[in-house]
Amino acid sequence: MDERQRKGRRENPASWQGLLKLYEAQKRIDEHIDATVQLARIFQDQDDRAKCQIIIEKTVALAKENGSKNQYKRALCMLLPGGPVFGYLEGLIPRPDQIYLKLAEIVEAEEKERINKEIANRRSRLGAVLGQVTTEVRREVWGASPLEEYYQQILNWSDDEELRRQIDCKLLQHGYEKLMVFPKENKLEQRVKVENWARGLVILKHPFELAWRIVIEWKDCESIGTPLDRI
């Protein structure tokens, strides 16, 4: 497609609408998302919120029904702050905390599945030690995990106190589990974060056992000089 064609389609919603129908029929989800972003920008230029909202919601639904998990996540990200439509459709689309919650739920399931699959594959290798394999796999998966960021964003945007406490607990549990498998050189920064999250829950008097155990036991460790790499 040359620059003149691109310019024409930016200015002509009918062309992009035709592409959307084609991509939907062929279940070409990535191309559908790309075309949706372009058409949404045209509708923004025309100040047509209704049409903009409709195509965005339709694309998210299409990706959920016919796309991969990665494609569904990509479609959801269109709705987030910094995305192509958030500023224009804010108040008409789901709140960011709800989108981050959906993303977190998808990633939680993906990471659990990947960890279990990788452990099963690697433990069958000659000389593999289950405990070592488990630690290595968890370190790889959790080291690249976006869950901490998603949990933080839910807390940043949500005013639902019950949801916030649930996410506080998930954030602490996730951070603690990462700390347990991180190499020694990465433990200090993670330990500080985990301890801060635990103290936050204790200050709120929230009945999450891990938080109270961390605050009590780690304080005792500090008082007797337990080395950091033992925690």
Protein backbone atom coordinates (compact mmCIF):
# COMPACT_ATOMS: atom_id res chain seq x y z
CA MET A 1 0.00 0.00 0.00
CA ASP A 2 1.57 3.35 -1.04
CA GLU A 3 1.39 6.59 0.95
CA ARG A 4 -1.47 7.99 -1.14
CA GLN A 5 -3.60 4.92 -0.40
CA ARG A 6 -2.75 5.14 3.29
CA LYS A 7 -3.73 8.80 3.40
CA GLY A 8 -7.00 8.08 1.61
CA ARG A 9 -7.94 5.35 4.05
CA ARG A 10 -7.10 7.57 7.02
CA GLU A 11 -9.58 10.09 5.66
CA ASN A 12 -12.20 7.64 4.42
CA PRO A 13 -13.90 5.53 7.12
CA ALA A 14 -15.70 3.42 4.52
CA SER A 15 -12.42 1.92 3.34
CA TRP A 16 -11.40 0.92 6.85
CA GLN A 17 -14.90 -0.40 7.55
CA GLY A 18 -14.58 -2.61 4.50
CA LEU A 19 -11.26 -3.91 5.75
CA LEU A 20 -12.78 -4.66 9.14
CA LYS A 21 -15.48 -6.79 7.55
CA LEU A 22 -12.87 -8.66 5.53
CA TYR A 23 -10.62 -9.29 8.52
CA GLU A 24 -13.57 -10.37 10.65
CA ALA A 25 -14.74 -12.86 8.03
CA GLN A 26 -11.22 -14.26 7.71
CA LYS A 27 -10.63 -14.12 11.48
CA ARG A 28 -7.46 -12.10 10.99
CA ILE A 29 -7.50 -10.70 14.49
CA ASP A 30 -4.22 -8.77 14.52
CA GLU A 31 -5.07 -6.98 11.29
CA HIS A 32 -8.56 -6.32 12.65
CA ILE A 33 -7.08 -4.64 15.73
CA ASP A 34 -4.73 -2.53 13.61
CA ALA A 35 -7.57 -1.40 11.33
CA THR A 36 -9.79 -0.68 14.33
CA VAL A 37 -7.19 1.68 15.76
CA GLN A 38 -7.00 3.57 12.48
CA LEU A 39 -10.78 3.81 12.15
CA ALA A 40 -11.13 4.86 15.78
CA ARG A 41 -8.78 7.76 15.12
CA ILE A 42 -10.88 8.83 12.15
CA PHE A 43 -14.02 8.80 14.30
CA GLN A 44 -12.19 10.82 16.93
CA ASP A 45 -11.28 13.40 14.29
CA GLN A 46 -14.95 13.47 13.32
CA ASP A 47 -15.96 13.65 17.00
CA ASP A 48 -18.21 10.60 16.68
CA ARG A 49 -17.98 8.87 20.04
CA ALA A 50 -20.80 6.43 19.38
CA LYS A 51 -19.17 4.91 16.31
CA CYS A 52 -15.77 4.92 17.95
CA GLN A 53 -17.12 3.07 20.97
CA ILE A 54 -18.97 0.52 18.85
CA ILE A 55 -15.98 -0.54 16.77
CA ILE A 56 -13.71 -0.76 19.79
CA GLU A 57 -16.16 -2.92 21.75
CA LYS A 58 -16.80 -5.12 18.72
CA THR A 59 -13.09 -5.72 18.18
CA VAL A 60 -12.52 -6.63 21.82
CA ALA A 61 -15.43 -9.08 21.66
CA LEU A 62 -14.10 -10.55 18.40
CA ALA A 63 -10.64 -11.05 19.86
CA LYS A 64 -12.09 -12.69 22.97
CA GLU A 65 -14.22 -15.10 20.95
CA ASN A 66 -11.96 -15.92 18.02
CA GLY A 67 -8.46 -14.79 18.91
CA SER A 68 -5.60 -16.18 20.94
CA LYS A 69 -5.00 -15.06 24.51
CA ASN A 70 -2.27 -12.72 23.30
CA GLN A 71 -4.63 -11.19 20.75
CA TYR A 72 -7.33 -10.74 23.38
CA LYS A 73 -4.81 -9.05 25.67
CA ARG A 74 -3.74 -6.80 22.81
CA ALA A 75 -7.34 -5.82 22.14
CA LEU A 76 -7.91 -5.05 25.82
CA CYS A 77 -4.85 -2.83 25.85
CA MET A 78 -6.58 -0.50 23.39
CA LEU A 79 -8.81 0.53 26.31
CA LEU A 80 -6.02 1.41 28.73
CA PRO A 81 -4.61 4.85 29.57
CA GLY A 82 -2.03 5.67 26.94
CA GLY A 83 -3.99 3.64 24.39
CA PRO A 84 -5.55 5.10 21.25
CA VAL A 85 -9.05 5.71 22.63
CA PHE A 86 -8.88 6.05 26.42
CA GLY A 87 -8.85 9.83 26.59
CA TYR A 88 -11.66 10.12 24.06
CA LEU A 89 -13.92 7.35 25.39
CA GLU A 90 -13.22 7.59 29.10
CA GLY A 91 -16.50 7.10 30.92
CA LEU A 92 -17.95 5.10 28.04
CA ILE A 93 -15.59 2.13 28.24
CA PRO A 94 -14.72 -0.03 31.26
CA ARG A 95 -12.58 1.57 33.94
CA PRO A 96 -8.84 0.83 33.75
CA ASP A 97 -8.90 -1.22 36.95
CA GLN A 98 -11.41 -3.60 35.34
CA ILE A 99 -9.26 -3.97 32.24
CA TYR A 100 -6.12 -4.58 34.30
CA LEU A 101 -8.06 -7.13 36.34
CA LYS A 102 -8.99 -9.04 33.18
CA LEU A 103 -5.40 -8.91 31.98
CA ALA A 104 -4.16 -10.17 35.33
CA GLU A 105 -6.61 -13.07 35.31
CA ILE A 106 -5.46 -14.11 31.84
CA VAL A 107 -1.77 -13.89 32.76
CA GLU A 108 -2.27 -15.76 36.04
CA ALA A 109 -3.75 -18.70 34.14
CA GLU A 110 -1.09 -18.52 31.41
CA GLU A 111 1.79 -18.50 33.89
CA LYS A 112 0.37 -21.37 35.92
CA GLU A 113 -0.05 -23.44 32.77
CA ARG A 114 3.42 -22.59 31.48
CA ILE A 115 5.10 -23.41 34.79
CA ASN A 116 3.38 -26.76 35.09
CA LYS A 117 4.14 -27.64 31.47
CA GLU A 118 7.80 -26.64 31.67
CA ILE A 119 8.36 -28.50 34.92
CA ALA A 120 6.80 -31.63 33.45
CA ASN A 121 8.99 -31.36 30.34
CA ARG A 122 12.27 -30.67 32.12
CA ARG A 123 11.93 -33.12 34.98
CA SER A 124 12.04 -35.98 32.48
CA ARG A 125 15.55 -35.03 31.38
CA LEU A 126 18.42 -37.22 32.50
CA GLY A 127 19.79 -36.08 35.84
CA ALA A 128 17.07 -33.48 36.44
CA VAL A 129 16.31 -32.67 40.08
CA LEU A 130 12.68 -31.70 40.64
CA GLY A 131 13.39 -28.99 43.20
CA GLN A 132 16.04 -27.35 41.02
CA VAL A 133 13.88 -27.59 37.91
CA THR A 134 10.91 -26.04 39.73
CA THR A 135 13.00 -23.12 40.95
CA GLU A 136 14.51 -22.50 37.51
CA VAL A 137 11.16 -22.53 35.74
CA ARG A 138 9.48 -20.27 38.27
CA ARG A 139 12.41 -17.85 38.13
CA GLU A 140 12.17 -17.66 34.34
CA VAL A 141 8.41 -17.18 34.25
CA TRP A 142 8.02 -14.84 37.21
CA GLY A 143 11.12 -12.85 36.29
CA ALA A 144 9.36 -11.71 33.10
CA SER A 145 5.87 -11.53 34.59
CA PRO A 146 3.76 -8.36 34.13
CA LEU A 147 1.53 -9.29 37.08
CA GLU A 148 3.18 -6.95 39.56
CA GLU A 149 2.55 -4.01 37.22
CA TYR A 150 -1.05 -5.08 36.61
CA TYR A 151 -1.73 -5.43 40.34
CA GLN A 152 -0.23 -2.01 41.00
CA GLN A 153 -2.36 -0.44 38.29
CA ILE A 154 -5.51 -2.01 39.72
CA LEU A 155 -4.65 -0.46 43.07
CA ASN A 156 -3.94 2.88 41.40
CA TRP A 157 -7.33 3.02 39.69
CA SER A 158 -9.77 1.11 41.87
CA ASP A 159 -11.88 2.69 44.61
CA ASP A 160 -13.42 -0.67 45.58
CA GLU A 161 -11.91 -1.41 48.99
CA GLU A 162 -12.77 -5.11 48.88
CA LEU A 163 -11.08 -5.49 45.50
CA ARG A 164 -8.10 -3.47 46.69
CA ARG A 165 -7.52 -5.81 49.65
CA GLN A 166 -7.78 -8.84 47.38
CA ILE A 167 -5.19 -7.34 45.06
CA ASP A 168 -2.98 -6.29 47.96
CA CYS A 169 -2.89 -9.95 49.00
CA LYS A 170 -2.20 -11.15 45.47
CA LEU A 171 0.58 -8.61 45.06
CA LEU A 172 2.22 -9.71 48.30
CA GLN A 173 1.87 -13.42 47.52
CA HIS A 174 3.26 -12.97 44.02
CA GLY A 175 6.13 -10.81 45.24
CA TYR A 176 6.99 -13.24 48.02
CA GLU A 177 7.00 -16.23 45.67
CA LYS A 178 9.30 -14.34 43.28
CA LEU A 179 11.63 -13.52 46.18
CA MET A 180 11.90 -17.20 47.10
CA VAL A 181 13.27 -18.13 43.67
CA PHE A 182 15.27 -15.01 42.79
CA PRO A 183 19.08 -15.31 42.77
CA LYS A 184 20.95 -13.75 45.67
CA GLU A 185 21.93 -10.61 43.73
CA ASN A 186 18.29 -9.75 43.03
CA LYS A 187 16.87 -10.41 46.48
CA LEU A 188 17.47 -7.09 48.25
CA GLU A 189 15.24 -4.90 46.08
CA GLN A 190 12.50 -7.52 46.00
CA ARG A 191 12.70 -8.10 49.75
CA VAL A 192 12.22 -4.39 50.44
CA LYS A 193 9.10 -4.32 48.25
CA VAL A 194 7.67 -7.45 49.83
CA GLU A 195 8.23 -6.15 53.33
CA ASN A 196 6.57 -2.83 52.48
CA TRP A 197 3.54 -4.59 51.02
CA ALA A 198 3.29 -6.80 54.10
CA ARG A 199 3.51 -3.82 56.46
CA GLY A 200 0.78 -2.07 54.49
CA LEU A 201 -1.62 -4.95 55.08
CA VAL A 202 -0.69 -5.18 58.75
CA ILE A 203 -1.29 -1.46 59.21
CA LEU A 204 -4.76 -1.99 57.75
CA LYS A 205 -5.18 -4.94 60.15
CA HIS A 206 -6.12 -7.14 57.22
CA PRO A 207 -6.24 -10.84 58.17
CA PHE A 208 -3.77 -12.18 55.62
CA GLU A 209 -1.47 -14.60 57.37
CA LEU A 210 1.53 -14.18 55.07
CA ALA A 211 1.68 -10.43 55.75
CA TRP A 212 1.68 -10.88 59.52
CA ARG A 213 4.19 -13.70 59.36
CA ILE A 214 6.59 -11.63 57.25
CA VAL A 215 6.40 -8.62 59.55
CA ILE A 216 6.91 -10.71 62.70
CA GLU A 217 9.45 -13.25 61.48
CA TRP A 218 11.57 -10.91 59.38
CA LYS A 219 11.81 -8.47 62.27
CA ASP A 220 13.08 -11.32 64.43
CA CYS A 221 15.61 -12.24 61.71
CA GLU A 222 16.89 -8.66 61.63
CA SER A 223 17.27 -8.61 65.39
CA ILE A 224 19.53 -11.69 65.34
CA GLY A 225 21.39 -10.76 62.15
CA THR A 226 20.13 -13.48 59.84
CA PRO A 227 21.87 -13.13 56.41
CA LEU A 228 19.67 -11.81 53.60
CA ASP A 229 20.30 -14.81 51.38
CA ARG A 230 18.76 -17.06 53.99
CA ILE A 231 15.39 -15.29 53.63
